[in-house]
Protein backbone atom coordinates (compact mmCIF):
# COMPACT_ATOMS: atom_id res chain seq x y z
CA UNK A 1 80.42 112.25 65.09
CA UNK A 2 84.41 110.65 64.90
CA UNK A 3 86.77 113.26 65.39
CA UNK A 4 89.99 113.15 62.91
CA UNK A 5 92.34 111.26 65.23
CA UNK A 6 95.81 110.19 64.27
CA UNK A 7 96.05 106.37 65.31
CA UNK A 8 99.72 106.38 65.87
CA UNK A 9 99.09 108.61 69.21
CA UNK A 10 99.00 106.51 72.14
CA UNK A 11 95.65 106.34 73.95
CA UNK A 12 95.75 108.88 77.66
CA UNK A 13 96.04 105.98 79.70
CA UNK A 14 98.78 104.31 77.60
CA UNK A 15 100.19 107.72 77.88
CA UNK A 16 100.06 108.31 81.39
CA UNK A 17 101.21 104.94 82.32
CA UNK A 18 104.61 105.97 80.70
CA UNK A 19 104.68 108.94 82.34
CA UNK A 20 104.31 107.06 86.05
CA UNK A 21 107.23 104.26 84.83
CA UNK A 22 109.37 106.95 83.58
CA UNK A 23 108.86 109.11 86.94
CA UNK A 24 109.60 106.12 89.45
CA UNK A 25 112.84 105.99 88.43
CA UNK A 26 114.43 109.12 88.97
CA UNK A 27 116.39 110.10 91.98
CA UNK A 28 114.99 113.02 94.01
CA UNK A 29 116.84 115.81 94.68
CA UNK A 30 119.14 116.55 97.51
CA UNK A 31 117.89 116.37 101.27
CA UNK A 32 118.13 119.30 103.21
CA UNK A 33 117.37 120.73 107.00
CA UNK A 34 114.84 122.96 107.29
CA UNK A 35 112.46 124.04 110.23
CA UNK A 36 108.72 122.82 110.68
CA UNK A 37 107.19 125.05 108.90
CA UNK A 38 109.24 126.11 106.09
CA UNK A 39 108.84 122.77 105.59
CA UNK A 40 105.42 122.56 105.02
CA UNK A 41 104.70 121.38 101.05
CA UNK A 42 108.04 119.42 100.65
CA UNK A 43 108.33 115.97 101.28
CA UNK A 44 110.18 113.83 104.07
CA UNK A 45 113.89 112.63 103.06
CA UNK A 46 113.54 110.34 106.39
CA UNK A 47 111.54 108.42 108.65
CA UNK A 48 109.85 110.48 111.27
CA UNK A 49 109.96 107.83 114.63
CA UNK A 50 108.82 108.01 117.90
CA UNK A 51 110.25 108.98 120.78
CA UNK A 52 109.07 107.19 123.25
CA UNK A 53 105.01 105.16 123.17
CA UNK A 54 102.14 107.66 122.24
CA UNK A 55 100.55 107.74 124.24
CA UNK A 56 102.93 107.34 127.12
CA UNK A 57 100.16 106.67 129.26
CA UNK A 58 96.77 105.20 129.40
CA UNK A 59 95.15 107.87 128.18
CA UNK A 60 91.06 108.73 129.06
CA UNK A 61 89.33 109.27 125.58
CA UNK A 62 86.09 111.64 127.76
CA UNK A 63 85.67 113.49 130.78
CA UNK A 64 84.19 111.35 132.86
CA UNK A 65 85.03 108.68 135.84
CA UNK A 66 87.83 105.71 135.77
CA UNK A 67 86.53 102.60 137.04
CA UNK A 68 87.36 99.15 137.05
CA UNK A 69 84.80 97.67 134.25
CA UNK A 70 83.92 94.56 136.51
CA UNK A 71 82.27 97.20 139.46
CA UNK A 72 80.08 98.28 137.39
CA UNK A 73 78.60 95.23 135.34
CA UNK A 74 75.33 95.90 136.98
CA UNK A 75 73.96 99.02 136.82
CA UNK A 76 73.46 101.49 138.27
CA UNK A 77 76.10 100.14 140.39
CA UNK A 78 77.35 102.68 143.61
CA UNK A 79 80.92 103.99 143.95
CA UNK A 80 83.37 106.33 145.71
CA UNK A 81 84.69 108.88 144.36
CA UNK A 82 88.50 109.11 145.69
CA UNK A 83 90.28 111.58 144.24
CA UNK A 84 90.58 113.79 140.42
CA UNK A 85 93.31 113.60 137.92
CA UNK A 86 93.12 116.26 134.68
CA UNK A 87 95.27 116.59 131.79
CA UNK A 88 99.11 116.78 132.83
CA UNK A 89 98.34 115.83 136.29
CA UNK A 90 101.79 115.57 138.44
CA UNK A 91 102.74 111.86 138.91
CA UNK A 92 101.09 112.37 142.62
CA UNK A 93 97.51 113.34 141.25
CA UNK A 94 97.71 110.21 139.10
CA UNK A 95 99.36 108.38 141.56
CA UNK A 96 95.91 106.99 143.32
CA UNK A 97 95.05 103.35 142.95
CA UNK A 98 91.35 102.37 142.42
CA UNK A 99 89.88 99.76 144.13
CA UNK A 100 86.75 97.60 144.23
CA UNK A 101 84.31 100.35 144.16
CA UNK A 102 86.24 103.14 144.08
CA UNK A 103 86.19 105.29 140.88
CA UNK A 104 88.79 108.92 140.43
CA UNK A 105 86.97 111.79 138.47
CA UNK A 106 88.83 111.89 135.27
CA UNK A 107 89.36 114.49 132.50
CA UNK A 108 89.70 114.37 128.34
CA UNK A 109 93.41 113.17 128.26
CA UNK A 110 94.54 113.00 131.60
CA UNK A 111 96.05 109.25 132.64
CA UNK A 112 93.85 106.53 133.19
CA UNK A 113 95.60 105.69 136.93
CA UNK A 114 95.58 102.11 138.32
CA UNK A 115 93.51 99.39 139.02
CA UNK A 116 90.83 101.24 136.79
CA UNK A 117 90.62 99.93 133.34
CA UNK A 118 87.69 101.60 131.59
CA UNK A 119 86.07 105.02 131.35
CA UNK A 120 82.22 106.34 132.10
CA UNK A 121 81.28 109.04 130.57
CA UNK A 122 80.04 111.72 132.73
CA UNK A 123 76.63 112.23 131.50
CA UNK A 124 76.25 108.43 132.19
CA UNK A 125 76.31 108.82 136.19
CA UNK A 126 74.93 110.82 139.09
CA UNK A 127 77.36 112.44 142.17
CA UNK A 128 76.48 113.66 145.52
CA UNK A 129 79.55 114.60 147.50
CA UNK A 130 81.89 111.42 147.14
CA UNK A 131 79.28 109.09 146.05
CA UNK A 132 79.34 108.50 142.71
CA UNK A 133 75.78 106.70 141.06
CA UNK A 134 76.74 104.96 137.53
CA UNK A 135 74.06 104.54 135.03
CA UNK A 136 75.23 102.56 132.16
CA UNK A 137 77.77 99.78 132.11
CA UNK A 138 81.56 100.07 130.40
CA UNK A 139 83.78 97.38 128.60
CA UNK A 140 87.14 97.18 129.65
CA UNK A 141 89.09 99.56 127.88
CA UNK A 142 86.02 101.81 126.66
CA UNK A 143 87.31 105.69 126.64
CA UNK A 144 90.56 104.55 127.19
CA UNK A 145 93.70 104.71 124.77
CA UNK A 146 96.28 102.24 125.80
CA UNK A 147 99.90 102.98 126.26
CA UNK A 148 101.42 102.95 123.10
CA UNK A 149 98.48 101.94 121.47
CA UNK A 150 99.21 104.78 118.41
CA UNK A 151 102.91 104.16 118.21
CA UNK A 152 105.20 102.46 119.88
CA UNK A 153 108.93 104.06 120.98
CA UNK A 154 111.15 103.88 118.32
CA UNK A 155 108.36 103.23 115.84
CA UNK A 156 108.08 104.91 112.21
CA UNK A 157 105.30 106.92 112.09
CA UNK A 158 105.26 109.07 109.28
CA UNK A 159 107.45 107.63 106.51
CA UNK A 160 109.91 108.64 104.27
CA UNK A 161 108.92 110.33 100.85
CA UNK A 162 105.76 111.75 102.79
CA UNK A 163 104.90 115.02 101.90
CA UNK A 164 104.24 117.44 104.72
CA UNK A 165 101.71 119.09 105.37
CA UNK A 166 99.64 120.54 108.72
CA UNK A 167 99.11 116.51 110.20
CA UNK A 168 103.23 116.13 109.96
CA UNK A 169 104.27 119.02 111.23
CA UNK A 170 101.98 118.33 114.23
CA UNK A 171 103.13 114.15 114.66
CA UNK A 172 107.25 116.08 113.66
CA UNK A 173 106.33 118.28 116.72
CA UNK A 174 105.44 115.83 118.80
CA UNK A 175 107.93 113.88 118.65
CA UNK A 176 110.65 116.89 119.43
CA UNK A 177 111.29 117.10 115.83
CA UNK A 178 111.56 121.22 115.60
CA UNK A 179 113.46 120.93 111.93
CA UNK A 180 113.00 117.83 109.28
CA UNK A 181 115.06 116.60 106.29
CA UNK A 182 113.57 117.21 103.15
CA UNK A 183 114.31 116.65 99.72
CA UNK A 184 114.84 120.31 97.88
CA UNK A 185 112.59 121.81 95.80
CA UNK A 186 112.73 120.67 91.81
CA UNK A 187 113.92 123.70 90.04
CA UNK A 188 111.33 123.20 86.93
CA UNK A 189 112.48 125.82 84.49
CA UNK A 190 109.08 127.25 82.75
CA UNK A 191 109.69 128.65 78.83
CA UNK A 192 107.40 130.08 76.88
CA UNK A 193 107.78 130.42 73.38
CA UNK A 194 106.26 132.43 70.29
CA UNK A 195 106.04 135.99 68.74
CA UNK A 196 102.85 137.13 69.98
CA UNK A 197 103.58 136.22 73.48
CA UNK A 198 104.52 139.67 75.70
CA UNK A 199 105.00 139.96 79.11
CA UNK A 200 102.37 140.57 81.36
CA UNK A 201 103.49 143.78 82.52
CA UNK A 202 103.93 145.64 78.72
CA UNK A 203 100.72 146.77 76.66
CA UNK A 204 100.24 143.72 73.96
CA UNK A 205 99.20 144.56 70.54
CA UNK A 206 96.29 143.77 68.42
CA UNK A 207 97.50 140.66 67.28
CA UNK A 208 99.44 139.45 70.37
CA UNK A 209 98.83 138.27 74.03
CA UNK A 210 100.23 138.32 77.29
CA UNK A 211 102.19 135.66 78.71
CA UNK A 212 99.31 134.53 81.53
CA UNK A 213 101.06 130.43 80.80
CA UNK A 214 103.94 131.14 82.16
CA UNK A 215 102.45 132.51 85.83
CA UNK A 216 99.50 129.65 85.80
CA UNK A 217 102.68 127.22 85.42
CA UNK A 218 104.13 128.55 87.89
CA UNK A 219 101.54 128.30 90.13
CA UNK A 220 100.91 125.02 89.65
CA UNK A 221 104.49 124.39 90.23
CA UNK A 222 104.81 125.67 93.39
CA UNK A 223 101.35 124.44 94.58
CA UNK A 224 103.18 121.19 93.81
CA UNK A 225 106.29 121.50 95.64
CA UNK A 226 108.58 123.00 93.18
CA UNK A 227 110.48 125.90 92.69
CA UNK A 228 109.82 127.73 89.50
CA UNK A 229 112.15 129.90 87.07
CA UNK A 230 110.34 131.48 84.48
CA UNK A 231 112.72 132.32 81.01
CA UNK A 232 112.69 135.10 78.63
CA UNK A 233 109.82 134.67 76.37
CA UNK A 234 111.90 132.62 73.20
CA UNK A 235 110.84 134.09 69.63
CA UNK A 236 109.30 131.53 67.03
CA UNK A 237 113.59 131.71 65.83
CA UNK A 238 115.75 128.31 66.03
CA UNK A 239 118.73 129.99 67.50
CA UNK A 240 117.16 132.34 70.17
CA UNK A 241 114.99 128.76 71.19
CA UNK A 242 118.38 126.54 71.15
CA UNK A 243 119.96 129.00 73.48
CA UNK A 244 117.32 129.19 75.93
CA UNK A 245 116.30 125.68 75.58
CA UNK A 246 119.44 124.71 76.61
CA UNK A 247 119.20 127.47 79.92
CA UNK A 248 116.29 125.50 80.99
CA UNK A 249 117.87 122.54 80.49
CA UNK A 250 120.02 122.95 83.41
CA UNK A 251 117.02 122.71 85.71
CA UNK A 252 115.32 119.75 87.76
CA UNK A 253 112.72 120.00 84.91
CA UNK A 254 111.77 121.71 81.75
CA UNK A 255 108.13 123.07 80.40
CA UNK A 256 107.82 124.74 77.24
CA UNK A 257 104.68 125.89 76.56
CA UNK A 258 103.47 126.81 73.27
CA UNK A 259 105.71 125.78 69.41
CA UNK A 260 104.22 121.78 69.87
CA UNK A 261 101.67 121.98 67.40
CA UNK A 262 102.16 121.20 63.28
CA UNK A 263 102.13 125.27 62.22
CA UNK A 264 105.11 126.50 60.18
CA UNK A 265 106.60 128.39 62.94
CA UNK A 266 105.83 125.45 65.71
CA UNK A 267 110.14 124.78 66.01
CA UNK A 268 110.27 123.19 69.84
CA UNK A 269 110.48 119.19 68.60
CA UNK A 270 113.19 120.14 66.01
CA UNK A 271 115.17 122.43 67.63
CA UNK A 272 114.93 120.09 70.88
CA UNK A 273 115.62 117.14 68.34
CA UNK A 274 118.79 118.98 67.11
CA UNK A 275 119.74 119.11 71.37
CA UNK A 276 119.85 114.95 71.08
CA UNK A 277 116.33 114.96 73.08
CA UNK A 278 114.93 111.45 73.32
CA UNK A 279 111.43 111.62 72.61
CA UNK A 280 108.44 108.82 74.78
CA UNK A 281 105.24 110.82 72.54
CA UNK A 282 104.63 113.40 70.45
CA UNK A 283 101.06 113.80 71.39
CA UNK A 284 97.88 111.98 73.17
CA UNK A 285 94.45 111.35 71.71
CA UNK A 286 92.90 113.63 74.48
CA UNK A 287 91.15 117.05 74.06
CA UNK A 288 92.66 119.38 75.29
CA UNK A 289 96.11 119.27 74.86
CA UNK A 290 96.83 116.63 72.09
CA UNK A 291 99.85 118.35 70.72
CA UNK A 292 101.82 117.74 74.17
CA UNK A 293 105.22 116.18 74.12
CA UNK A 294 107.41 114.37 76.73
CA UNK A 295 111.04 113.41 76.34
CA UNK A 296 114.38 113.97 77.96
CA UNK A 297 117.95 115.04 77.29
CA UNK A 298 120.69 113.48 78.48
CA UNK A 299 123.95 114.85 79.29
CA UNK A 300 126.49 112.34 80.60
CA UNK A 301 125.54 110.57 83.68
CA UNK A 302 122.50 112.68 83.93
CA UNK A 303 119.24 113.30 82.13
CA UNK A 304 116.79 116.72 82.32
CA UNK A 305 113.08 115.39 81.71
CA UNK A 306 110.51 117.64 80.00
CA UNK A 307 107.57 118.37 78.42
CA UNK A 308 106.07 120.61 75.85
CA UNK A 309 102.65 121.74 76.75
CA UNK A 310 99.92 123.45 74.26
CA UNK A 311 99.88 126.93 74.24
CA UNK A 312 96.16 127.22 74.90
CA UNK A 313 95.42 128.25 78.11
CA UNK A 314 93.19 125.43 79.46
CA UNK A 315 95.49 122.76 77.57
CA UNK A 316 98.50 124.03 79.73
CA UNK A 317 96.68 124.09 82.67
CA UNK A 318 95.41 119.95 81.94
CA UNK A 319 98.30 119.00 80.55
CA UNK A 320 100.40 119.57 83.60
CA UNK A 321 97.72 117.68 86.19
CA UNK A 322 98.06 114.79 83.61
CA UNK A 323 101.56 114.77 82.82
CA UNK A 324 103.25 117.18 84.70
CA UNK A 325 102.64 115.76 88.05
CA UNK A 326 103.46 112.42 88.19
CA UNK A 327 107.18 113.46 87.48
CA UNK A 328 107.50 116.60 89.40
CA UNK A 329 106.50 114.56 92.92
CA UNK A 330 108.94 111.96 91.79
CA UNK A 331 111.64 114.88 91.96
CA UNK A 332 110.56 116.04 94.81
CA UNK A 333 110.99 112.85 96.44
CA UNK A 334 107.69 111.38 96.40
CA UNK A 335 105.62 108.40 94.96
CA UNK A 336 103.28 109.58 92.12
CA UNK A 337 100.39 110.27 93.16
CA UNK A 338 97.04 109.00 92.00
CA UNK A 339 94.76 111.76 89.78
CA UNK A 340 91.48 112.01 91.47
CA UNK A 341 88.48 111.27 90.27
CA UNK A 342 84.60 110.69 91.27
CA UNK A 343 81.46 110.07 90.26
CA UNK A 344 78.79 112.73 90.01
CA UNK A 345 74.90 112.94 88.74
CA UNK A 346 74.79 115.32 84.93
CA UNK A 347 73.08 118.43 85.01
CA UNK A 348 72.22 118.95 81.86
CA UNK A 349 72.58 117.53 78.37
CA UNK A 350 76.01 117.87 75.91
CA UNK A 351 77.18 116.54 72.97
CA UNK A 352 81.04 116.04 71.76
CA UNK A 353 82.77 114.22 69.07
CA UNK A 354 84.18 110.19 69.71
CA UNK A 355 87.19 109.69 68.91
CA UNK A 356 89.20 111.47 72.10
CA UNK A 357 89.46 111.09 75.81
CA UNK A 358 88.37 114.70 76.96
CA UNK A 359 88.90 116.51 79.67
CA UNK A 360 85.84 119.21 79.61
CA UNK A 361 85.75 122.11 82.45
CA UNK A 362 82.70 121.91 84.85
CA UNK A 363 81.36 122.96 88.14
CA UNK A 364 80.29 120.50 90.58
CA UNK A 365 77.84 121.00 93.22
CA UNK A 366 74.78 119.29 94.92
CA UNK A 367 75.12 117.88 98.15
CA UNK A 368 76.75 115.39 99.54
CA UNK A 369 73.96 112.50 99.12
CA UNK A 370 73.56 113.60 95.34
CA UNK A 371 76.74 115.44 93.58
CA UNK A 372 75.79 117.64 90.70
CA UNK A 373 77.99 118.55 87.91
CA UNK A 374 77.55 120.79 85.29
CA UNK A 375 79.52 121.34 82.00
CA UNK A 376 80.48 125.41 81.57
CA UNK A 377 79.67 127.13 78.91
CA UNK A 378 83.53 127.58 76.85
CA UNK A 379 84.88 128.52 73.09
CA UNK A 380 87.78 125.94 73.33
CA UNK A 381 91.16 125.54 74.77
CA UNK A 382 91.83 128.89 74.84
CA UNK A 383 88.95 129.72 77.22
CA UNK A 384 90.40 131.07 80.51
CA UNK A 385 87.35 132.63 81.80
CA UNK A 386 85.86 128.55 82.05
CA UNK A 387 88.97 127.73 82.91
CA UNK A 388 88.58 130.17 86.37
CA UNK A 389 85.12 129.32 87.25
CA UNK A 390 86.08 125.46 87.36
CA UNK A 391 86.68 123.47 89.75
CA UNK A 392 86.79 119.89 88.28
CA UNK A 393 86.77 118.75 84.54
CA UNK A 394 84.03 116.01 83.28
CA UNK A 395 85.89 113.09 81.72
CA UNK A 396 84.63 112.44 78.58
CA UNK A 397 85.71 108.52 76.96
CA UNK A 398 86.38 108.23 73.85
CA UNK A 399 83.53 106.57 72.37
CA UNK A 400 80.82 108.42 74.13
CA UNK A 401 78.82 111.54 72.24
CA UNK A 402 75.73 111.84 74.62
CA UNK A 403 75.41 112.51 77.10
CA UNK A 404 71.76 113.29 79.24
CA UNK A 405 71.11 115.56 83.06
CA UNK A 406 70.49 112.59 85.30
CA UNK A 407 73.30 110.69 83.66
CA UNK A 408 76.20 109.82 86.30
CA UNK A 409 79.75 110.88 84.93
CA UNK A 410 83.30 110.52 86.05
CA UNK A 411 85.00 113.59 86.86
CA UNK A 412 88.49 114.55 87.83
CA UNK A 413 89.24 116.78 90.68
CA UNK A 414 91.39 120.04 90.80
């Protein structure tokens, strides 16, 4: 069954490309110097470079015996052990030289001594006093990381534009950086609209709803490295809406939720137009989230991008992931990241209307060998229960109506 779709609306792919092309034109926020743990989730404003070779010496990757590979080419081989080297050994302890038919006991992470060119794992040896019998041959370089193999002095270890996580923190610590230059968190203003919306600490009337959208968006913004700023709810009145929109446009990015559909009191587009907004699209062929709006407002040499997101909670969450995230990435100093899609086997049949690319809340489970996904029962884009239980969305292409258990489907990971 074909759903009624405005043919002038861009497809999901076209809208996503437009957002990505716009995002790469944006300048990131100003850099600031933060401690390692304060920088987590932010984006590097400068390269992290090696302050010495990594590793700074040939490093053993196994417990065992440092040997000359030529001495154990024929096994069993009988060698004399002339010492022991542990991780963190002094120069004197590691200063032994391995000569023909000799070996040194060595621990993981310890420097491989001069003369040795491989490490035999301890499980392939027998030792009696200083006599070691090697039962397995090794090749030159086996179980050894060469000096500078990971990075040479001065080399870029992590590039500018990388988002800081635990591995980046480890690299920074390893090169002696107690603090790093990162781009400031972009300030993201969040404006919910509608006479029916009340703050979360108030008891809603019979025809009112609590402002969950501002808080779900703030959580998404925070997780994506932004600094959310929740504005007061804007009533369905042009003057009040314009005042709050101007306040929101002082941020790096403005997110508006509600008021972008076709109803009599959906005022966001017309008020934005009165503020000189340029609209890049006003709707996309997707569900949920078809009324999503994207544009910018220029003021002199600066411009503020904005998104008008539909008021239904699932629509708000989905359109943030599909369209807002690339712009927020760019403002944060990172290259916009592609969406993460995967394939899974459908657990049960379902059908839907054609004409739109649909993102339906689902639950991914199964095994490593055979991942399975099941469509969650949901009552449309206002169903918070379904959204809270989902860990992915099934992506329904616009021209496919029926799906059967066992079919391979595309999923968008959260």
